[in-house]
Structures are given as structure tokens and as C-alpha cells.
Amino acid sequence: MIHIETSTEHKKGVYFALAAFGMWGIVPVYFKSIEHVSPLEVLAHRVVWSVVFLAGFIALTNRMKEIYALFNRPKIIYSLAASAAVIALNWLVFIWAVGQDRIIESTLGYFINPLINIVFGYFIFSERLRPMQWAAVALAAIAVTYQVILLGELPWVALTLGFSFSIYSLLRKKIPVDSISGLFIETLWLLPISLAYMVWLLSNGNLQFINEDDATMWLLLGAGLVTSFPLLAFASGARRLSLTLIGLLQYIGPSIAFLIAVFYYDEPMNSERLITFILIWLALVIFSVEGLLVQKRKNG
């Protein structure tokens, strides 16, 4: 009976995780549909409506006491201010990249994110890297260097997204708070400046929320759901699955976005850029296989 329940919980975890990464994969389609709205206004709406949605969810699930308790722990609240600033930068660059037909480059950032985490572990926590980890990081470095030298461009969108998300993950791992409550506090920190910016736009007659058609208004209102739904699904999946499996499933999101960019939006993918991605994908294969082998040895 225990085995059956465990198996059922595992399946639920897989379904939730697939739903989360699938939603994250198609997020570019959502932001592409409102590319006529300035990235800063889209970001402001993402913050405001995330606060509204998360407040409702927290109230309905009787978790308000947990939120009130957090405000009695100022160290956590102030730490979440730092993570809020980092995730705001990540969101803004991503929204801008989608509107500038740079979805492919944005996916590169999320592909290299696990490799950046390895580098952070080495320099910040003095973690010793195993040979296969060194090989994966070296391939990623070669890929970025190749793009800089042969293509004459620094993939700053990818690097900004990759590094900012790694910094965000690092900060959140150090803060003892669950993902939903943490995101709620983070968006609360961002709420005043977001509202102030929207009021400023309104006073100048430039608030596109009311200047555009009804479809745009509803899409901007939905920014809170687009932000929160995948996170809720991920939180439900993560607590039922091993970190190893989550690590493998995380590539689903950028893979879906990559395919959408290439085959739906026809973003350019020449042979030079493809070589960059092939090197990154090879690095990720090495990274994933190495992780599985280490996990297998630990389990005997």
C-alpha cells in the first residue's frame, strides 16, 4: 500500500513538474502578444497582478498567518528585498528580449544556468568540481567565446538571464521561506514602485492598459496568473520529486521556447549560432550524465 501511494505521489509530481515547465516554455507566446506595450509597463503589471492573485491564493489556502509571521522576522523580509531586485531585472530583460525577437538568445541563458550554478559553487562555496563538471563548464565557456569572437557579439541577454537567475536561486536557497510566500513578499517589495510608475504613465496619458484595446487590457491583467500558475505547479511537483529528476526536467521549458522561436516565430538560426547551442547542449549532456552517475553511486 505504501509503495502504491508513493508511486501515485511520484506520478503527481511528474505531472505538476511537466505542467510547470510546459507553461514556462510557452510564456514567450504570451509576452509576444503584448510586445506593443513597453517592457517596463508589462513588468509593472506583472508585479501588481501577481500581488493580487497571490494574496487571493494565500487567503483561500489559510496561509495568512504564515505571512504575518514572516513580518516578525525582518532579516527574511529584507533578504527578500534583494532577491526581488534580482528577479525584477530577470523579468525585465526577458520581456524586452521577447519583444525584440531574441527568444532564442533568452533560451540560451536558461540552458547555461545550471553550468553557471557550478561556477558559483566553485568560487563562492569553494566546492571542488569533478572532472566531468570541469568539462561541461569548459564547453560552455568555449561556446560563449566562440560567439564573441566569430560572431562579433556578446550574448548579453543570455548572460544576464543566466547569471541573474543563478544569483536569485542562490539568494532564495539562503532564505528560509517557501516559494509561494517568498514570491508574494518579493512582489510586495516591488509593488510601490510599480504602482508609482503606472500612476506616472497615467498622468502623462501613456498608460497603455487603458489606451489599448480590451484584449491588451485582459492580457496585462493575466500577467499575475502567468507568473504564479507555473510556480504553484512547480512547488507541488518539486516536493514530490528528487532534485535529480527536477534537474533533468528543467530543460523542457527552454527547449519548448527554443522550438517556438525557430519554427513559429522564424527567428534566425544560422550555422554559427547553431554551433553555440550544440556546444551548450553537449555540455548539458555531460553535466546531466555526470549527475546521474554520482546519484547512482550514492544509492549504491
Protein backbone atom coordinates (compact mmCIF):
# COMPACT_ATOMS: atom_id res chain seq x y z
CA MET A 1 0.00 0.00 0.00
CA ILE A 2 2.82 2.38 0.85
CA HIS A 3 4.51 1.58 -2.47
CA ILE A 4 1.31 2.38 -4.39
CA GLU A 5 0.84 5.69 -2.56
CA THR A 6 4.47 6.61 -3.15
CA SER A 7 4.17 5.73 -6.83
CA THR A 8 0.99 7.81 -7.11
CA GLU A 9 2.65 10.78 -5.44
CA HIS A 10 5.62 10.43 -7.79
CA LYS A 11 3.32 10.46 -10.82
CA LYS A 12 1.55 13.54 -9.47
CA GLY A 13 4.92 15.19 -9.03
CA VAL A 14 5.90 14.44 -12.61
CA TYR A 15 2.59 15.81 -13.92
CA PHE A 16 2.91 19.00 -11.88
CA ALA A 17 6.54 19.48 -12.95
CA LEU A 18 5.71 18.88 -16.62
CA ALA A 19 2.86 21.39 -16.35
CA ALA A 20 5.16 23.97 -14.75
CA PHE A 21 7.98 23.63 -17.26
CA GLY A 22 5.49 23.43 -20.13
CA MET A 23 3.88 26.71 -19.05
CA TRP A 24 7.29 28.35 -18.68
CA GLY A 25 8.11 27.12 -22.18
CA ILE A 26 5.15 28.87 -23.80
CA VAL A 27 5.44 32.08 -21.77
CA PRO A 28 7.21 33.83 -24.71
CA VAL A 29 3.99 33.48 -26.73
CA TYR A 30 2.13 35.39 -24.03
CA PHE A 31 4.61 38.24 -23.84
CA LYS A 32 4.92 38.31 -27.63
CA SER A 33 1.20 39.07 -27.81
CA ILE A 34 1.74 42.28 -25.83
CA GLU A 35 5.05 43.35 -27.38
CA HIS A 36 3.37 46.65 -28.36
CA VAL A 37 3.28 47.56 -24.65
CA SER A 38 6.51 48.96 -23.19
CA PRO A 39 8.54 46.36 -21.24
CA LEU A 40 8.52 48.49 -18.09
CA GLU A 41 4.73 48.73 -18.08
CA VAL A 42 4.43 44.98 -18.69
CA LEU A 43 6.78 44.41 -15.74
CA ALA A 44 4.70 46.74 -13.56
CA HIS A 45 1.53 44.84 -14.40
CA ARG A 46 3.28 41.53 -13.78
CA VAL A 47 4.12 42.71 -10.28
CA VAL A 48 0.75 44.30 -9.44
CA TRP A 49 -1.43 41.44 -10.63
CA SER A 50 0.89 38.84 -9.11
CA VAL A 51 0.34 40.50 -5.73
CA VAL A 52 -3.43 40.43 -6.26
CA PHE A 53 -3.52 36.79 -7.37
CA LEU A 54 -1.10 35.52 -4.74
CA ALA A 55 -2.91 37.42 -1.97
CA GLY A 56 -6.14 35.70 -3.02
CA PHE A 57 -4.48 32.29 -3.17
CA ILE A 58 -2.82 32.73 0.22
CA ALA A 59 -6.12 33.85 1.77
CA LEU A 60 -8.05 30.93 0.26
CA THR A 61 -5.47 28.41 1.50
CA ASN A 62 -5.48 29.90 5.01
CA ARG A 63 -1.81 30.85 4.90
CA MET A 64 -2.12 34.48 6.01
CA LYS A 65 -0.82 33.61 9.48
CA GLU A 66 2.40 32.37 7.87
CA ILE A 67 2.76 35.68 6.01
CA TYR A 68 2.13 37.71 9.18
CA ALA A 69 4.73 35.60 10.99
CA LEU A 70 7.31 36.42 8.32
CA PHE A 71 6.93 40.14 9.02
CA ASN A 72 8.14 39.45 12.56
CA ARG A 73 11.41 38.21 11.04
CA PRO A 74 12.93 41.35 9.47
CA LYS A 75 16.06 39.53 8.29
CA ILE A 76 13.93 37.37 5.98
CA ILE A 77 11.90 40.34 4.75
CA TYR A 78 15.00 42.40 3.92
CA SER A 79 16.68 39.43 2.27
CA LEU A 80 13.64 39.05 0.03
CA ALA A 81 14.08 42.69 -1.00
CA ALA A 82 17.44 41.74 -2.51
CA SER A 83 16.02 38.72 -4.34
CA ALA A 84 13.11 40.88 -5.54
CA ALA A 85 15.51 43.32 -7.20
CA VAL A 86 17.32 40.47 -8.97
CA ILE A 87 14.18 38.74 -10.24
CA ALA A 88 12.79 42.10 -11.43
CA LEU A 89 15.90 42.54 -13.59
CA ASN A 90 15.48 38.99 -14.91
CA TRP A 91 11.82 39.56 -15.78
CA LEU A 92 12.51 42.91 -17.46
CA VAL A 93 15.31 41.60 -19.68
CA PHE A 94 13.22 38.57 -20.65
CA ILE A 95 10.18 40.70 -21.56
CA TRP A 96 12.40 43.03 -23.59
CA ALA A 97 14.13 40.13 -25.36
CA VAL A 98 10.83 38.57 -26.43
CA GLY A 99 9.68 41.88 -27.90
CA GLN A 100 12.98 42.29 -29.75
CA ASP A 101 12.78 38.84 -31.44
CA ARG A 102 15.55 37.47 -29.22
CA ILE A 103 13.74 34.49 -27.73
CA ILE A 104 16.49 32.14 -28.92
CA GLU A 105 19.13 34.12 -27.04
CA SER A 106 16.94 34.16 -23.93
CA THR A 107 16.68 30.35 -24.02
CA LEU A 108 20.47 30.17 -24.15
CA GLY A 109 20.50 31.94 -20.79
CA TYR A 110 18.34 29.28 -19.17
CA PHE A 111 20.31 26.46 -20.80
CA ILE A 112 23.59 27.75 -19.33
CA ASN A 113 22.04 28.48 -15.92
CA PRO A 114 22.93 25.08 -14.36
CA LEU A 115 26.52 25.50 -15.54
CA ILE A 116 26.68 28.97 -14.00
CA ASN A 117 25.49 27.42 -10.75
CA ILE A 118 28.51 25.08 -10.87
CA VAL A 119 30.84 28.07 -11.27
CA PHE A 120 29.16 29.85 -8.36
CA GLY A 121 29.64 26.75 -6.23
CA TYR A 122 33.35 26.74 -7.05
CA PHE A 123 34.07 30.43 -6.43
CA ILE A 124 31.59 31.21 -3.64
CA PHE A 125 31.41 27.97 -1.67
CA SER A 126 34.84 26.56 -2.62
CA GLU A 127 33.18 23.39 -3.90
CA ARG A 128 35.52 21.01 -5.69
CA LEU A 129 34.50 20.33 -9.26
CA ARG A 130 34.69 16.82 -10.61
CA PRO A 131 36.42 16.27 -14.00
CA MET A 132 33.17 15.94 -15.96
CA GLN A 133 31.86 19.15 -14.36
CA TRP A 134 35.03 20.94 -15.46
CA ALA A 135 34.47 19.60 -18.98
CA ALA A 136 30.88 20.87 -19.04
CA VAL A 137 31.88 24.35 -17.83
CA ALA A 138 34.77 24.47 -20.32
CA LEU A 139 32.45 23.64 -23.22
CA ALA A 140 30.04 26.39 -22.13
CA ALA A 141 32.92 28.88 -21.93
CA ILE A 142 34.09 27.83 -25.40
CA ALA A 143 30.55 28.32 -26.74
CA VAL A 144 30.29 31.88 -25.39
CA THR A 145 33.83 32.73 -26.54
CA TYR A 146 33.04 31.34 -30.00
CA GLN A 147 30.01 33.60 -30.29
CA VAL A 148 32.00 36.64 -29.16
CA ILE A 149 34.97 36.06 -31.50
CA LEU A 150 33.39 34.62 -34.64
CA LEU A 151 30.02 36.35 -34.49
CA GLY A 152 31.37 39.57 -33.01
CA GLU A 153 28.67 39.79 -30.38
CA LEU A 154 28.46 39.18 -26.66
CA PRO A 155 25.27 37.24 -25.82
CA TRP A 156 24.46 39.73 -23.07
CA VAL A 157 20.78 38.79 -22.92
CA ALA A 158 21.67 35.14 -22.29
CA LEU A 159 24.38 36.02 -19.77
CA THR A 160 22.15 38.49 -17.91
CA LEU A 161 19.30 36.00 -17.68
CA GLY A 162 21.58 33.11 -16.75
CA PHE A 163 23.57 34.97 -14.10
CA SER A 164 20.59 36.84 -12.63
CA PHE A 165 18.61 33.61 -12.23
CA SER A 166 21.61 31.91 -10.63
CA ILE A 167 22.03 34.81 -8.20
CA TYR A 168 18.29 34.71 -7.49
CA SER A 169 18.41 30.95 -6.84
CA LEU A 170 21.44 31.41 -4.59
CA LEU A 171 19.69 34.10 -2.55
CA ARG A 172 16.46 32.11 -2.24
CA LYS A 173 18.28 28.98 -1.07
CA LYS A 174 19.65 31.02 1.82
CA ILE A 175 16.23 32.40 2.82
CA PRO A 176 14.10 30.01 4.92
CA VAL A 177 10.76 30.64 3.21
CA ASP A 178 8.61 28.62 0.81
CA SER A 179 8.38 29.62 -2.86
CA ILE A 180 4.82 30.99 -2.77
CA SER A 181 5.26 33.13 0.35
CA GLY A 182 8.65 34.26 -0.92
CA LEU A 183 7.29 35.39 -4.28
CA PHE A 184 4.43 37.20 -2.54
CA ILE A 185 6.82 39.18 -0.32
CA GLU A 186 9.11 39.89 -3.28
CA THR A 187 6.26 41.30 -5.35
CA LEU A 188 5.11 43.32 -2.33
CA TRP A 189 8.56 44.94 -2.28
CA LEU A 190 8.21 45.78 -5.97
CA LEU A 191 4.58 46.93 -5.66
CA PRO A 192 5.11 50.60 -4.60
CA ILE A 193 7.48 51.45 -7.45
CA SER A 194 5.28 49.54 -9.92
CA LEU A 195 2.17 51.44 -8.86
CA ALA A 196 4.07 54.74 -8.87
CA TYR A 197 5.26 54.07 -12.41
CA MET A 198 1.73 53.24 -13.57
CA VAL A 199 0.36 56.42 -11.96
CA TRP A 200 3.10 58.42 -13.70
CA LEU A 201 2.18 56.85 -17.05
CA LEU A 202 -1.49 57.60 -16.39
CA SER A 203 -0.76 61.24 -15.56
CA ASN A 204 1.06 61.59 -18.89
CA GLY A 205 -1.66 59.82 -20.84
CA ASN A 206 0.71 56.96 -21.70
CA LEU A 207 -0.77 54.09 -19.68
CA GLN A 208 -1.35 51.52 -22.40
CA PHE A 209 -3.50 49.45 -20.05
CA ILE A 210 -6.35 51.88 -20.74
CA ASN A 211 -5.19 53.28 -24.09
CA GLU A 212 -5.14 49.96 -25.96
CA ASP A 213 -7.94 47.54 -26.85
CA ASP A 214 -9.75 45.22 -24.43
CA ALA A 215 -7.59 42.26 -25.44
CA THR A 216 -4.44 44.08 -24.31
CA MET A 217 -6.08 45.03 -21.02
CA TRP A 218 -7.03 41.43 -20.26
CA LEU A 219 -3.62 40.14 -21.28
CA LEU A 220 -1.95 42.59 -18.90
CA LEU A 221 -4.36 41.55 -16.15
CA GLY A 222 -3.35 37.97 -16.81
CA ALA A 223 0.32 38.69 -16.12
CA GLY A 224 -0.21 37.70 -12.50
CA LEU A 225 -1.56 34.29 -13.49
CA VAL A 226 1.27 33.74 -15.99
CA THR A 227 3.75 34.43 -13.20
CA SER A 228 2.03 32.49 -10.43
CA PHE A 229 0.48 29.39 -12.03
CA PRO A 230 3.78 27.80 -13.16
CA LEU A 231 5.30 28.47 -9.75
CA LEU A 232 2.37 26.83 -7.95
CA ALA A 233 2.66 23.78 -10.21
CA PHE A 234 6.44 23.66 -9.73
CA ALA A 235 6.14 23.89 -5.95
CA SER A 236 3.67 20.98 -5.97
CA GLY A 237 5.94 18.92 -8.21
CA ALA A 238 9.24 19.71 -6.51
CA ARG A 239 8.17 18.43 -3.10
CA ARG A 240 7.23 15.06 -4.64
CA LEU A 241 10.32 14.53 -6.84
CA SER A 242 14.06 14.16 -6.37
CA LEU A 243 16.36 17.07 -7.17
CA THR A 244 17.99 14.90 -9.83
CA LEU A 245 14.73 14.43 -11.74
CA ILE A 246 13.81 18.10 -11.36
CA GLY A 247 17.25 18.97 -12.72
CA LEU A 248 16.62 16.88 -15.84
CA LEU A 249 13.08 18.17 -16.37
CA GLN A 250 14.15 21.83 -16.13
CA TYR A 251 15.40 21.78 -19.73
CA ILE A 252 11.85 21.27 -21.01
CA GLY A 253 10.99 24.96 -20.63
CA PRO A 254 13.83 26.49 -22.66
CA SER A 255 13.58 23.64 -25.19
CA ILE A 256 9.92 24.44 -25.89
CA ALA A 257 10.70 28.17 -26.11
CA PHE A 258 13.61 27.44 -28.47
CA LEU A 259 11.38 25.41 -30.81
CA ILE A 260 8.69 28.10 -30.73
CA ALA A 261 11.25 30.78 -31.60
CA VAL A 262 12.72 28.83 -34.51
CA PHE A 263 9.66 27.21 -36.05
CA TYR A 264 6.81 29.57 -35.10
CA TYR A 265 8.42 33.00 -34.99
CA ASP A 266 11.11 32.20 -37.57
CA GLU A 267 13.93 33.74 -35.56
CA PRO A 268 17.22 33.35 -37.44
CA MET A 269 19.27 30.26 -36.62
CA ASN A 270 22.36 30.19 -38.81
CA SER A 271 25.10 27.57 -38.62
CA GLU A 272 27.30 29.77 -36.40
CA ARG A 273 24.60 30.21 -33.76
CA LEU A 274 23.70 26.54 -34.03
CA ILE A 275 27.29 25.60 -33.17
CA THR A 276 26.99 27.69 -29.99
CA PHE A 277 23.87 25.79 -28.97
CA ILE A 278 25.35 22.40 -29.87
CA LEU A 279 28.31 23.10 -27.59
CA ILE A 280 25.95 24.14 -24.77
CA TRP A 281 23.73 21.11 -25.28
CA LEU A 282 26.78 18.83 -25.24
CA ALA A 283 27.88 20.47 -22.00
CA LEU A 284 24.43 19.84 -20.52
CA VAL A 285 24.52 16.18 -21.58
CA ILE A 286 27.87 15.77 -19.81
CA PHE A 287 26.53 17.65 -16.77
CA SER A 288 23.34 15.55 -16.59
CA VAL A 289 25.04 12.19 -17.13
CA GLU A 290 27.65 13.03 -14.51
CA GLY A 291 24.90 13.95 -12.04
CA LEU A 292 23.06 10.68 -12.68
CA LEU A 293 26.24 8.65 -12.21
CA VAL A 294 27.02 10.39 -8.92
CA GLN A 295 23.45 9.81 -7.71
CA LYS A 296 23.65 6.13 -8.70
CA ARG A 297 26.88 5.68 -6.74
CA LYS A 298 25.32 7.33 -3.68
CA ASN A 299 22.35 4.98 -3.85
CA GLY A 300 24.67 2.01 -4.03
